[in-house]
Protein backbone atom coordinates (compact mmCIF):
# COMPACT_ATOMS: atom_id res chain seq x y z
CA MET A 1 -0.08 -0.21 -0.09
CA SER A 2 1.39 3.42 -0.86
CA LYS A 3 2.18 5.01 2.13
CA LEU A 4 0.66 8.62 2.09
CA LEU A 5 1.85 10.48 4.89
CA GLU A 6 5.24 9.35 5.18
CA GLY A 7 7.64 11.92 6.24
CA LYS A 8 4.14 13.83 7.65
CA ARG A 9 3.84 15.23 11.55
CA GLY A 10 0.75 15.90 12.56
CA ILE A 11 -0.95 16.54 15.59
CA ILE A 12 -4.59 15.13 16.44
CA THR A 13 -7.21 16.07 19.05
CA GLY A 14 -10.19 14.29 20.08
CA ALA A 15 -9.75 11.13 20.20
CA LEU A 16 -11.85 9.19 22.61
CA ASP A 17 -12.09 5.68 22.76
CA GLN A 18 -12.33 3.37 19.68
CA ASN A 19 -15.21 4.78 17.96
CA SER A 20 -14.57 8.25 17.78
CA ILE A 21 -13.27 9.57 14.31
CA ALA A 22 -10.25 10.46 15.70
CA TRP A 23 -9.31 7.21 17.48
CA LYS A 24 -9.56 6.04 13.24
CA VAL A 25 -7.89 8.99 11.89
CA ALA A 26 -4.90 8.35 14.39
CA GLU A 27 -5.23 4.63 12.98
CA LYS A 28 -4.57 4.97 9.51
CA ALA A 29 -2.64 8.13 10.07
CA HIS A 30 -0.57 6.31 12.00
CA GLU A 31 -0.49 3.74 8.58
CA HIS A 32 -0.09 5.34 6.34
CA GLY A 33 3.58 6.41 8.05
CA ALA A 34 2.99 10.09 9.83
CA THR A 35 3.90 10.85 13.31
CA PHE A 36 1.43 12.57 15.68
CA VAL A 37 0.77 13.07 18.36
CA LEU A 38 -1.99 13.42 20.56
CA THR A 39 -4.31 16.01 22.76
CA ASN A 40 -7.55 16.33 24.33
CA ALA A 41 -8.91 18.27 27.36
CA PRO A 42 -7.18 16.58 30.33
CA ILE A 43 -11.16 15.76 31.95
CA ALA A 44 -11.88 13.91 28.43
CA MET A 45 -8.69 11.83 28.50
CA ARG A 46 -9.68 10.65 32.19
CA MET A 47 -12.75 9.48 31.19
CA GLY A 48 -11.44 8.16 27.39
CA GLU A 49 -8.75 5.71 26.22
CA ILE A 50 -6.16 7.65 25.26
CA ASN A 51 -2.75 5.26 26.12
CA GLU A 52 -4.33 2.11 24.22
CA LEU A 53 -3.59 4.32 21.10
CA ALA A 54 -0.53 6.21 21.63
CA ALA A 55 0.97 2.59 22.71
CA LYS A 56 -0.31 1.56 18.99
CA THR A 57 0.63 4.77 17.05
CA ASN A 58 3.66 4.80 18.97
CA SER A 59 2.46 8.38 19.49
CA LYS A 60 3.19 10.57 23.12
CA ILE A 61 0.28 12.43 24.66
CA ILE A 62 -0.25 16.41 25.44
CA PRO A 63 -2.86 17.16 27.95
CA ALA A 64 -4.44 20.85 26.67
CA ASP A 65 -7.39 22.55 26.66
CA ALA A 66 -8.15 23.68 23.14
CA THR A 67 -9.54 27.19 24.76
CA SER A 68 -6.67 28.13 26.34
CA THR A 69 -4.44 30.44 24.38
CA GLU A 70 -1.00 29.48 26.16
CA GLU A 71 -1.98 25.60 26.27
CA LEU A 72 -2.61 25.08 22.81
CA GLN A 73 0.62 28.01 22.06
CA LYS A 74 2.78 24.73 24.80
CA LEU A 75 1.24 22.26 22.16
CA PHE A 76 2.63 23.29 18.80
CA THR A 77 6.25 23.80 21.44
CA GLU A 78 5.57 20.66 22.48
CA ALA A 79 5.09 18.89 18.79
CA GLN A 80 7.47 20.34 17.33
CA GLU A 81 10.27 19.50 19.57
CA ILE A 82 8.26 15.52 20.32
CA LEU A 83 8.49 15.30 15.97
CA GLY A 84 10.97 16.85 15.58
CA GLY A 85 10.09 19.94 12.94
CA LYS A 86 6.63 21.77 11.87
CA ILE A 87 3.86 20.77 11.93
CA ASP A 88 2.24 19.36 8.19
CA PHE A 89 -1.51 17.90 9.40
CA VAL A 90 -3.86 19.16 12.29
CA LEU A 91 -7.85 17.12 12.48
CA HIS A 92 -9.56 19.11 14.21
CA SER A 93 -11.90 17.01 16.57
CA ILE A 94 -13.62 18.52 19.24
CA GLY A 95 -16.88 19.27 20.07
CA MET A 96 -19.27 20.13 23.14
CA SER A 97 -22.53 21.32 24.33
CA VAL A 98 -23.69 21.35 27.43
CA ASN A 99 -27.50 22.03 25.99
CA ILE A 100 -27.72 18.90 24.50
CA ARG A 101 -26.40 17.08 27.74
CA LYS A 102 -29.65 18.70 29.87
CA ASN A 103 -32.25 18.21 26.96
CA ILE A 104 -32.70 21.56 26.89
CA PRO A 105 -35.05 23.14 23.95
CA TYR A 106 -33.29 25.11 21.45
CA GLN A 107 -36.63 28.08 22.28
CA ASP A 108 -35.13 28.10 26.00
CA LEU A 109 -31.66 27.89 25.24
CA ASN A 110 -29.51 28.65 28.55
CA TYR A 111 -26.80 31.01 27.14
CA ASP A 112 -23.66 30.84 29.51
CA PHE A 113 -23.78 26.95 28.43
CA PHE A 114 -24.49 28.36 24.91
CA GLN A 115 -21.08 30.42 24.98
CA LYS A 116 -19.46 28.02 26.24
CA GLY A 117 -20.85 24.81 23.33
CA ILE A 118 -19.40 28.02 21.13
CA ASP A 119 -15.41 28.16 22.80
CA VAL A 120 -15.00 24.74 22.97
CA SER A 121 -16.57 23.26 19.36
CA ALA A 122 -16.09 26.93 17.37
CA LEU A 123 -13.45 29.41 18.95
CA SER A 124 -10.74 26.79 19.07
CA LEU A 125 -10.31 26.57 15.45
CA HIS A 126 -9.49 30.48 15.33
CA LYS A 127 -7.40 29.81 18.79
CA MET A 128 -5.35 26.30 17.03
CA LEU A 129 -4.83 28.89 13.78
CA SER A 130 -3.72 31.68 15.37
CA VAL A 131 -1.55 30.10 17.93
CA ALA A 132 -0.06 28.23 15.13
CA LYS A 133 -0.18 31.12 12.15
CA ASN A 134 1.59 33.56 14.60
CA MET A 135 3.91 30.41 15.83
CA ASP A 136 4.64 29.34 12.21
CA ALA A 137 4.08 25.87 13.35
CA ILE A 138 2.93 24.73 9.94
CA ASN A 139 4.58 23.65 6.78
CA GLU A 140 3.72 25.37 3.73
CA TRP A 141 1.29 23.67 2.07
CA GLY A 142 0.05 22.16 5.24
CA SER A 143 -3.41 20.96 6.45
CA VAL A 144 -5.80 21.52 8.55
CA VAL A 145 -9.32 19.26 8.81
CA ALA A 146 -12.22 20.53 11.43
CA LEU A 147 -15.39 17.30 11.50
CA THR A 148 -18.79 18.80 11.21
CA TYR A 149 -22.59 18.00 10.45
CA ALA A 150 -24.77 19.05 8.14
CA ALA A 151 -26.67 20.52 10.79
CA ALA A 152 -24.84 23.52 9.72
CA GLN A 153 -26.88 23.96 6.61
CA ARG A 154 -30.19 22.32 7.65
CA THR A 155 -32.47 22.03 10.36
CA TYR A 156 -32.04 19.27 12.52
CA PRO A 157 -34.36 19.79 15.58
CA PHE A 158 -32.47 17.75 17.81
CA TYR A 159 -28.98 19.03 17.29
CA THR A 160 -29.99 22.59 18.58
CA ASP A 161 -27.20 25.33 20.19
CA MET A 162 -24.21 22.62 17.39
CA ALA A 163 -26.10 23.17 14.74
CA ASP A 164 -25.46 27.18 15.40
CA ILE A 165 -21.75 26.53 16.97
CA LYS A 166 -21.10 24.34 13.63
CA ALA A 167 -22.01 26.67 11.08
CA MET A 168 -19.03 29.24 12.88
CA LEU A 169 -16.96 26.59 12.77
CA GLU A 170 -17.15 26.55 9.26
CA SER A 171 -17.17 30.33 8.75
CA ILE A 172 -14.16 30.42 11.18
CA ALA A 173 -12.57 27.53 8.56
CA ARG A 174 -13.32 29.70 5.53
CA SER A 175 -12.06 32.65 6.94
CA PHE A 176 -8.64 31.55 8.32
CA GLY A 177 -8.56 29.58 5.44
CA TYR A 178 -7.80 32.75 2.92
CA HIS A 179 -5.59 34.31 4.93
CA TYR A 180 -4.07 31.42 6.11
CA GLY A 181 -3.25 30.42 2.93
CA LEU A 182 -2.97 33.35 1.14
CA GLU A 183 0.68 33.71 3.82
CA LYS A 184 1.30 30.54 4.58
CA LYS A 185 -0.30 28.02 1.66
CA VAL A 186 -1.93 26.37 4.48
CA ARG A 187 -5.32 24.88 3.26
CA ILE A 188 -8.33 24.75 5.68
CA ASN A 189 -11.16 22.48 5.78
CA THR A 190 -14.43 21.07 7.30
CA VAL A 191 -15.72 18.20 6.85
CA SER A 192 -19.19 17.30 7.29
CA GLN A 193 -19.59 13.62 8.34
CA SER A 194 -22.41 11.60 8.30
CA PRO A 195 -24.91 10.48 11.06
CA THR A 196 -21.62 8.39 13.22
CA LYS A 197 -22.37 5.81 16.26
CA THR A 198 -19.63 7.81 19.12
CA THR A 199 -19.77 8.34 22.22
CA ALA A 200 -20.74 11.98 21.08
CA GLY A 201 -23.30 10.53 18.75
CA SER A 202 -24.73 8.34 20.48
CA GLY A 203 -25.59 10.76 23.37
CA ILE A 204 -28.15 13.24 21.48
CA LYS A 205 -31.72 12.09 21.51
CA GLY A 206 -33.13 10.30 19.24
CA PHE A 207 -30.21 9.48 17.40
CA GLY A 208 -30.81 5.85 16.67
CA ASP A 209 -33.54 6.79 14.65
CA PHE A 210 -32.04 9.23 12.73
CA TYR A 211 -28.71 7.32 11.42
CA ASP A 212 -31.11 4.55 10.36
CA TYR A 213 -33.21 7.40 8.75
CA ALA A 214 -29.99 9.52 7.57
CA ASP A 215 -28.65 5.44 5.99
CA ALA A 216 -31.81 4.78 4.10
CA ILE A 217 -31.77 8.05 2.49
CA ALA A 218 -28.37 8.35 1.33
CA PRO A 219 -27.64 6.34 -2.19
CA LEU A 220 -24.46 4.90 -0.67
CA GLY A 221 -26.10 4.31 3.07
CA ASN A 222 -24.08 6.27 5.86
CA ALA A 223 -20.34 6.35 5.86
CA SER A 224 -18.48 5.14 8.60
CA ALA A 225 -16.41 6.72 11.55
CA GLU A 226 -13.35 4.68 9.41
CA ASP A 227 -14.61 6.17 6.12
CA CYS A 228 -14.60 9.56 7.17
CA ALA A 229 -10.87 8.94 8.57
CA ASN A 230 -8.99 7.61 5.17
CA TYR A 231 -11.28 10.81 3.54
CA CYS A 232 -9.20 13.40 6.14
CA ILE A 233 -5.58 11.12 4.88
CA SER A 234 -7.00 11.99 1.60
CA LEU A 235 -6.97 15.69 2.24
CA PHE A 236 -3.61 15.57 4.89
CA SER A 237 -1.88 14.35 1.42
CA ASP A 238 0.01 16.20 -0.87
CA LEU A 239 -2.63 14.90 -3.40
CA THR A 240 -5.44 17.92 -2.50
CA ARG A 241 -2.53 20.20 -2.68
CA MET A 242 -4.81 22.66 -4.49
CA VAL A 243 -8.80 21.64 -2.24
CA THR A 244 -8.88 24.45 0.41
CA MET A 245 -11.53 26.87 2.18
CA GLN A 246 -14.44 24.31 2.33
CA ASN A 247 -17.58 22.63 3.20
CA LEU A 248 -16.65 18.05 2.29
CA PHE A 249 -20.02 15.93 2.59
CA HIS A 250 -19.75 13.00 3.32
CA ASP A 251 -22.10 11.37 4.01
CA GLY A 252 -23.09 8.86 1.37
CA GLY A 253 -24.94 11.74 -0.80
CA TYR A 254 -27.24 11.92 1.64
CA SER A 255 -26.36 15.71 1.93
CA THR A 256 -27.79 15.81 -2.03
CA THR A 257 -30.20 14.18 -1.98
CA GLY A 258 -33.83 14.98 -1.25
CA VAL A 259 -36.23 11.49 -0.09
CA SER A 260 -35.41 8.20 -1.94
CA ASP A 261 -37.45 4.95 -3.16
CA VAL A 262 -36.89 3.41 1.08
CA ILE A 263 -38.68 6.58 2.26
CA MET A 264 -41.11 6.56 0.01
CA LYS A 265 -42.29 3.02 0.38
CA LYS A 266 -42.37 3.51 4.12
CA PHE A 267 -45.08 6.02 3.62
CA GLY A 268 -46.42 3.62 0.72
CA ILE A 269 -45.72 5.43 -1.84
């Protein structure tokens, strides 16, 4: 197998357990010859199994709160020291909504929780990119990928404030992508993934039914976490050097399918 990331150095955020997309990305990056560090918030690290992944991929772990510019500076500094040079790719896989956790409806959002979700799930990308750019920590033609969801464009009642937060995340990727691309040739994209049976996704009320619905709409069915990881690897590689500022749907065709034969048959049409 051709190793698309041979010699490349990276930072992978958000690997919680074997169900997470970030975990699959780390496994695939390792298979494709990359070296990288793993990072997550200290509280998430205590809840997850990241040490197992680090051992499997021969990676170091750097705890960091992605809402803190000081900790992000430490992350990029230590990552370059450990890996022996500038960074070639970054995966932003960070998302959290206290409003969803507490089943607070969209019309009655707790605004403190909303601000927390914005800071953790969207502004963290801006802070990460700003720190990296100011430190000149990412190589020219490097690649940053952030994970998002179609609720940024279409209304899903159960996704509440995370829909707005993901819309902000995608806007940051476009806006920062212009400046970082112009000055350093760094590309920034978001990947809008199918409903995926991760720990975070499964915590959303009604997720199981919606997963089945999306699977019935998409001509190719839902894309798995492993499929998403493969797509991310292609975006980290030199094969996609001219792709930037894009929101890329990786969902088996769900986002551009109005209705499917399977759904129509369920309604007797």
